[in-house]
Amino acid sequence: MPFLKFEDIDKSFGKNNVISKFSLKVEKGEFIVLLGPSGCGKSTLLRMIAGLEKIDRGKITLDNKLLNDLLPSKRKIAMVFQSYALYPHMNVFQNISFGLTTEKMTKDEIKEKVNETAKILKIEDLLYRKPKELSGGQRQRVAIGRAITRNPKLFLFDEPLSNLDAALRSEMRVEISKLHKKLKSNILYVTHDQIEAMTLADKIVIMNQGNIEQFGNPDDIYNDPKNIFVAEFIGNPKINILKVKKEDIVSKNSFKFLNNEIKFENLNFEKEFFIGIRPEDISFDYKSEISAEITIDLVENLGSERIFYSHINSTEMRIKSSKNIKDKNITIYLPKNKLYLFDNDKNRIRT
């Protein structure tokens, strides 16, 4: 049996359907990231698992136990919020131990548990400070510490790093990853940040308008997207998408693209379709089957690499390279084996 299972989950707020027939199986010990744009239903799904929102239809089971009508306190789930949700009048020790005081533990047992948790999170020196005396990263550690002490079967993280600056987010990603490996627990983590998803997840759920677009490990999601939505959502800068019109089709298995004739012997081209290529797969100097003359409009200098912006037939093109190109007019090369083909419904065509 899967450790966590969703069966045809539906959720609406009035006439607004936010989750539709959501089904997913999660194995024990997995770190799952729910990734998608704002409003796609990620946080609502987390709140239904925690018991903070009612499930309209469907079933959620955790460790073979039905959660639907179970009280939140009985679910053995711990949730870490974006806003930290710390009690301002309590110090760190009191915040972390708050959930333990209702479990009839002795003072010595509570102290041992809190000290052990503080050591894991490297906040031993902060135990008697108030939240207002802590940085954002320290507050988030305290919120995570409060969750750890409860020994939950499942951790829920709702965009926990979105209030932190870039350097702290990077540091906390590493800490959360280490924590998962140490605790060997299940984590369901909500974010709209693809870097968090790619670096943290065992598997990623790409969500869109309450539905699952794709579910798989980070490499599969990135290298083998099922449709244009997934291809554009993962990758920075995002994938280039160019349209091949019907008049560009030369024969059933060939078409014109950037003044080159491209053949795929095993395909049958009849209707217009789309071609995608990732910015890092375009080269300035490694000659390949497809080439095009472009004019560089703008360069973003990222230090170790640059992003070059151009346009082809009024479509913006992005090229990612470590080279420092000074010329405005230049030839680019696109390897045929790096092209992604999508049909007119924006679903992937397998080559």
Foldseek 3Di string as FASTA:
>chain_A
DAQKWWAQWWDADVPQTQAGRATDGHHWLFEEEEAEDPSNCQVVVVCQLLVNDATPDTFMDGRNHTDRPPDSVPNLEAEQEQVLPFDQVAFLLCRLLVVVVVVPDDPVVSVVLLCVLCVLLVNNVRRRPGPVPDDLLVSSSSSVSSSVSSVGQEYEYEANCPVDDPVSSVVVLVSVQVVSVVSSHYYYYYDNDQVSRLSRGQKYFYTGSNYTQDIGHNVCLAQPPFFQVSQQSHAVNGKFKDKFAQVQADAQAWGADQNAIDGDPVGGDHGIWMKIAHQAQKDQPDAARDKHKWFFDDWDCPPQKIWTWTDDPNGIDIHIGSDDDDGRIGMMHHHPVRMWIAGPVRGTDDD
